[in-house]
N, C-alpha and C. Protein backbone atom coordinates (compact mmCIF):
# COMPACT_ATOMS: atom_id res chain seq x y z
N MET A 1 -10.08 2.20 25.93
CA MET A 1 -8.83 1.46 25.83
C MET A 1 -7.71 2.30 26.44
N SER A 2 -6.90 1.69 27.25
CA SER A 2 -5.76 2.35 27.87
C SER A 2 -4.49 1.95 27.14
N VAL A 3 -3.58 2.91 26.99
CA VAL A 3 -2.34 2.65 26.27
C VAL A 3 -1.20 3.40 26.96
N ARG A 4 -0.02 2.86 26.85
CA ARG A 4 1.17 3.51 27.41
C ARG A 4 1.77 4.39 26.34
N ILE A 5 1.96 5.68 26.66
CA ILE A 5 2.58 6.62 25.76
C ILE A 5 3.98 6.91 26.30
N VAL A 6 4.98 6.79 25.43
CA VAL A 6 6.37 7.06 25.81
C VAL A 6 6.85 8.25 25.00
N TYR A 7 7.45 9.22 25.69
CA TYR A 7 7.92 10.44 25.04
C TYR A 7 9.45 10.47 25.04
N PHE A 8 10.04 10.98 23.95
CA PHE A 8 11.49 11.04 23.83
C PHE A 8 11.96 12.45 23.48
N ALA A 9 13.21 12.75 23.82
CA ALA A 9 13.93 13.97 23.47
C ALA A 9 13.15 15.22 23.89
N TRP A 10 13.04 16.23 23.01
CA TRP A 10 12.39 17.46 23.43
C TRP A 10 10.90 17.31 23.65
N VAL A 11 10.27 16.28 23.11
CA VAL A 11 8.86 16.03 23.42
C VAL A 11 8.75 15.73 24.93
N ARG A 12 9.62 14.86 25.42
CA ARG A 12 9.64 14.52 26.86
C ARG A 12 9.94 15.76 27.70
N GLU A 13 10.91 16.56 27.26
CA GLU A 13 11.29 17.75 28.01
C GLU A 13 10.14 18.74 28.12
N ARG A 14 9.42 18.95 27.04
CA ARG A 14 8.32 19.93 27.05
C ARG A 14 7.13 19.43 27.88
N ILE A 15 6.85 18.13 27.84
CA ILE A 15 5.73 17.59 28.60
C ILE A 15 6.10 17.44 30.07
N GLY A 16 7.37 17.13 30.33
CA GLY A 16 7.82 17.01 31.70
C GLY A 16 7.71 15.61 32.27
N LYS A 17 7.53 14.63 31.41
CA LYS A 17 7.49 13.23 31.86
C LYS A 17 7.92 12.33 30.71
N GLY A 18 8.45 11.16 31.08
CA GLY A 18 8.94 10.23 30.08
C GLY A 18 7.88 9.30 29.52
N SER A 19 6.85 9.03 30.32
CA SER A 19 5.78 8.15 29.85
C SER A 19 4.56 8.32 30.74
N GLU A 20 3.45 7.78 30.27
CA GLU A 20 2.21 7.78 31.05
C GLU A 20 1.24 6.80 30.43
N GLU A 21 0.30 6.36 31.24
CA GLU A 21 -0.81 5.53 30.76
C GLU A 21 -2.01 6.44 30.59
N ILE A 22 -2.64 6.38 29.43
CA ILE A 22 -3.84 7.19 29.24
C ILE A 22 -4.95 6.32 28.65
N ALA A 23 -6.17 6.70 28.95
CA ALA A 23 -7.33 6.08 28.34
C ALA A 23 -7.64 6.86 27.07
N LEU A 24 -7.67 6.17 25.96
CA LEU A 24 -7.94 6.83 24.68
C LEU A 24 -9.43 7.04 24.48
N PRO A 25 -9.83 8.27 24.13
CA PRO A 25 -11.24 8.49 23.78
C PRO A 25 -11.61 7.66 22.56
N ALA A 26 -12.87 7.35 22.41
CA ALA A 26 -13.34 6.51 21.31
C ALA A 26 -13.02 7.10 19.94
N ASP A 27 -12.93 8.42 19.84
CA ASP A 27 -12.68 9.04 18.52
C ASP A 27 -11.21 9.10 18.15
N VAL A 28 -10.33 8.62 19.02
CA VAL A 28 -8.89 8.58 18.71
C VAL A 28 -8.59 7.22 18.07
N LYS A 29 -8.47 7.24 16.75
CA LYS A 29 -8.29 5.99 15.99
C LYS A 29 -6.90 5.86 15.37
N THR A 30 -6.28 7.01 15.04
CA THR A 30 -4.99 6.99 14.34
C THR A 30 -3.92 7.71 15.17
N VAL A 31 -2.68 7.58 14.74
CA VAL A 31 -1.58 8.30 15.39
C VAL A 31 -1.84 9.80 15.34
N GLY A 32 -2.31 10.30 14.21
CA GLY A 32 -2.62 11.73 14.07
C GLY A 32 -3.71 12.17 15.04
N ASP A 33 -4.74 11.33 15.20
CA ASP A 33 -5.80 11.62 16.17
C ASP A 33 -5.23 11.72 17.57
N LEU A 34 -4.32 10.82 17.90
CA LEU A 34 -3.71 10.80 19.23
C LEU A 34 -2.92 12.09 19.48
N ILE A 35 -2.11 12.50 18.51
CA ILE A 35 -1.32 13.72 18.67
C ILE A 35 -2.24 14.92 18.84
N ALA A 36 -3.30 14.99 18.06
CA ALA A 36 -4.27 16.10 18.19
C ALA A 36 -4.92 16.08 19.57
N HIS A 37 -5.27 14.89 20.06
CA HIS A 37 -5.87 14.76 21.39
C HIS A 37 -4.90 15.20 22.48
N LEU A 38 -3.67 14.72 22.40
CA LEU A 38 -2.68 15.07 23.42
C LEU A 38 -2.45 16.58 23.48
N ALA A 39 -2.50 17.25 22.35
CA ALA A 39 -2.27 18.70 22.30
C ALA A 39 -3.33 19.48 23.08
N THR A 40 -4.44 18.82 23.42
CA THR A 40 -5.52 19.49 24.16
C THR A 40 -5.42 19.29 25.67
N LEU A 41 -4.41 18.56 26.14
CA LEU A 41 -4.35 18.18 27.54
C LEU A 41 -3.66 19.20 28.46
N GLY A 42 -3.25 20.33 27.93
CA GLY A 42 -2.61 21.34 28.77
C GLY A 42 -1.52 22.07 28.01
N GLU A 43 -1.02 23.13 28.62
CA GLU A 43 -0.02 23.98 27.97
C GLU A 43 1.23 23.21 27.57
N GLU A 44 1.70 22.33 28.46
CA GLU A 44 2.93 21.60 28.15
C GLU A 44 2.74 20.66 26.95
N TYR A 45 1.57 20.04 26.84
CA TYR A 45 1.29 19.18 25.70
C TYR A 45 1.13 20.01 24.43
N GLU A 46 0.45 21.14 24.56
CA GLU A 46 0.27 22.03 23.41
C GLU A 46 1.63 22.47 22.88
N ALA A 47 2.57 22.78 23.78
CA ALA A 47 3.92 23.19 23.36
C ALA A 47 4.65 22.05 22.67
N ALA A 48 4.50 20.84 23.17
CA ALA A 48 5.19 19.69 22.59
C ALA A 48 4.65 19.34 21.20
N PHE A 49 3.36 19.56 20.99
CA PHE A 49 2.74 19.12 19.74
C PHE A 49 2.24 20.29 18.89
N GLN A 50 2.87 21.47 19.04
CA GLN A 50 2.42 22.64 18.29
C GLN A 50 2.66 22.50 16.79
N VAL A 51 3.62 21.67 16.39
CA VAL A 51 3.85 21.38 14.96
C VAL A 51 3.73 19.86 14.81
N PRO A 52 2.50 19.36 14.75
CA PRO A 52 2.29 17.91 14.77
C PRO A 52 2.97 17.16 13.64
N GLY A 53 3.14 17.79 12.48
CA GLY A 53 3.73 17.11 11.34
C GLY A 53 5.17 16.64 11.54
N VAL A 54 5.89 17.25 12.49
CA VAL A 54 7.28 16.85 12.70
C VAL A 54 7.40 15.67 13.67
N ILE A 55 6.34 15.36 14.38
CA ILE A 55 6.39 14.27 15.37
C ILE A 55 6.40 12.92 14.67
N ARG A 56 7.30 12.07 15.10
CA ARG A 56 7.38 10.69 14.60
C ARG A 56 6.77 9.78 15.65
N ALA A 57 6.34 8.60 15.22
CA ALA A 57 5.67 7.69 16.13
C ALA A 57 6.07 6.25 15.86
N ALA A 58 5.92 5.43 16.89
CA ALA A 58 6.12 3.99 16.77
C ALA A 58 5.02 3.31 17.57
N LEU A 59 4.39 2.33 16.95
CA LEU A 59 3.38 1.51 17.62
C LEU A 59 4.03 0.18 17.97
N ASP A 60 4.10 -0.13 19.25
CA ASP A 60 4.76 -1.35 19.71
C ASP A 60 6.12 -1.53 19.02
N GLU A 61 6.90 -0.46 19.02
CA GLU A 61 8.28 -0.42 18.51
C GLU A 61 8.40 -0.53 16.99
N GLU A 62 7.31 -0.33 16.26
CA GLU A 62 7.34 -0.32 14.79
C GLU A 62 6.96 1.08 14.32
N HIS A 63 7.82 1.70 13.50
CA HIS A 63 7.52 3.05 13.02
C HIS A 63 6.14 3.08 12.36
N ALA A 64 5.42 4.20 12.58
CA ALA A 64 4.06 4.34 12.07
C ALA A 64 3.85 5.74 11.53
N ASP A 65 3.08 5.85 10.44
CA ASP A 65 2.70 7.14 9.88
C ASP A 65 1.52 7.70 10.68
N HIS A 66 1.26 8.99 10.52
CA HIS A 66 0.18 9.63 11.26
C HIS A 66 -1.20 9.09 10.90
N ASP A 67 -1.35 8.55 9.69
CA ASP A 67 -2.66 8.03 9.29
C ASP A 67 -2.84 6.55 9.66
N GLU A 68 -1.85 5.98 10.31
CA GLU A 68 -1.93 4.57 10.68
C GLU A 68 -2.84 4.38 11.90
N ALA A 69 -3.67 3.35 11.83
CA ALA A 69 -4.58 3.04 12.94
C ALA A 69 -3.79 2.54 14.15
N ILE A 70 -4.20 3.01 15.32
CA ILE A 70 -3.57 2.57 16.56
C ILE A 70 -3.90 1.11 16.86
N GLY A 71 -5.13 0.72 16.53
CA GLY A 71 -5.55 -0.67 16.73
C GLY A 71 -5.36 -1.13 18.16
N ALA A 72 -4.72 -2.26 18.32
CA ALA A 72 -4.53 -2.86 19.65
C ALA A 72 -3.13 -2.59 20.21
N ALA A 73 -2.47 -1.54 19.72
CA ALA A 73 -1.12 -1.23 20.21
C ALA A 73 -1.15 -1.05 21.73
N ARG A 74 -0.14 -1.57 22.39
CA ARG A 74 -0.03 -1.44 23.84
C ARG A 74 0.87 -0.28 24.23
N GLU A 75 1.82 0.07 23.33
CA GLU A 75 2.74 1.17 23.61
C GLU A 75 2.90 2.02 22.36
N ILE A 76 2.82 3.34 22.56
CA ILE A 76 3.01 4.27 21.47
C ILE A 76 4.13 5.23 21.88
N ALA A 77 5.16 5.28 21.07
CA ALA A 77 6.27 6.19 21.31
C ALA A 77 6.14 7.40 20.41
N LEU A 78 6.38 8.58 20.96
CA LEU A 78 6.32 9.82 20.21
C LEU A 78 7.65 10.55 20.38
N PHE A 79 8.23 10.99 19.26
CA PHE A 79 9.56 11.58 19.31
C PHE A 79 9.75 12.54 18.12
N PRO A 80 10.72 13.45 18.25
CA PRO A 80 11.02 14.36 17.14
C PRO A 80 11.81 13.63 16.06
N PRO A 81 12.01 14.28 14.92
CA PRO A 81 12.80 13.65 13.85
C PRO A 81 14.20 13.31 14.35
N MET A 82 14.73 12.22 13.86
CA MET A 82 16.08 11.80 14.22
C MET A 82 17.07 12.52 13.32
N THR A 83 18.17 12.94 13.90
CA THR A 83 19.25 13.53 13.11
C THR A 83 20.52 12.77 13.43
N GLY A 84 21.46 12.87 12.60
CA GLY A 84 22.70 12.17 12.86
C GLY A 84 23.56 12.11 11.61
N GLY A 85 24.67 11.45 11.76
CA GLY A 85 25.55 11.41 10.62
C GLY A 85 26.46 10.24 10.69
């Protein structure tokens, strides 16, 4: 299954791209699985996902926890925690 991954803020800066299409391996079932998989794709990905617990995600523009199944999502957004006031 191929999915569009969109990166935001310092995740995008560390990886060096705003988005990409990737084919998900069969063992990537959840958001957490995806983050772990992405961390293996090279130094820039490893740097972006070195603390996976802080990464937030959205499946087709709906916030998702790390244990949530990716299912048939067409777009997955990955971003750091939001701050503001």
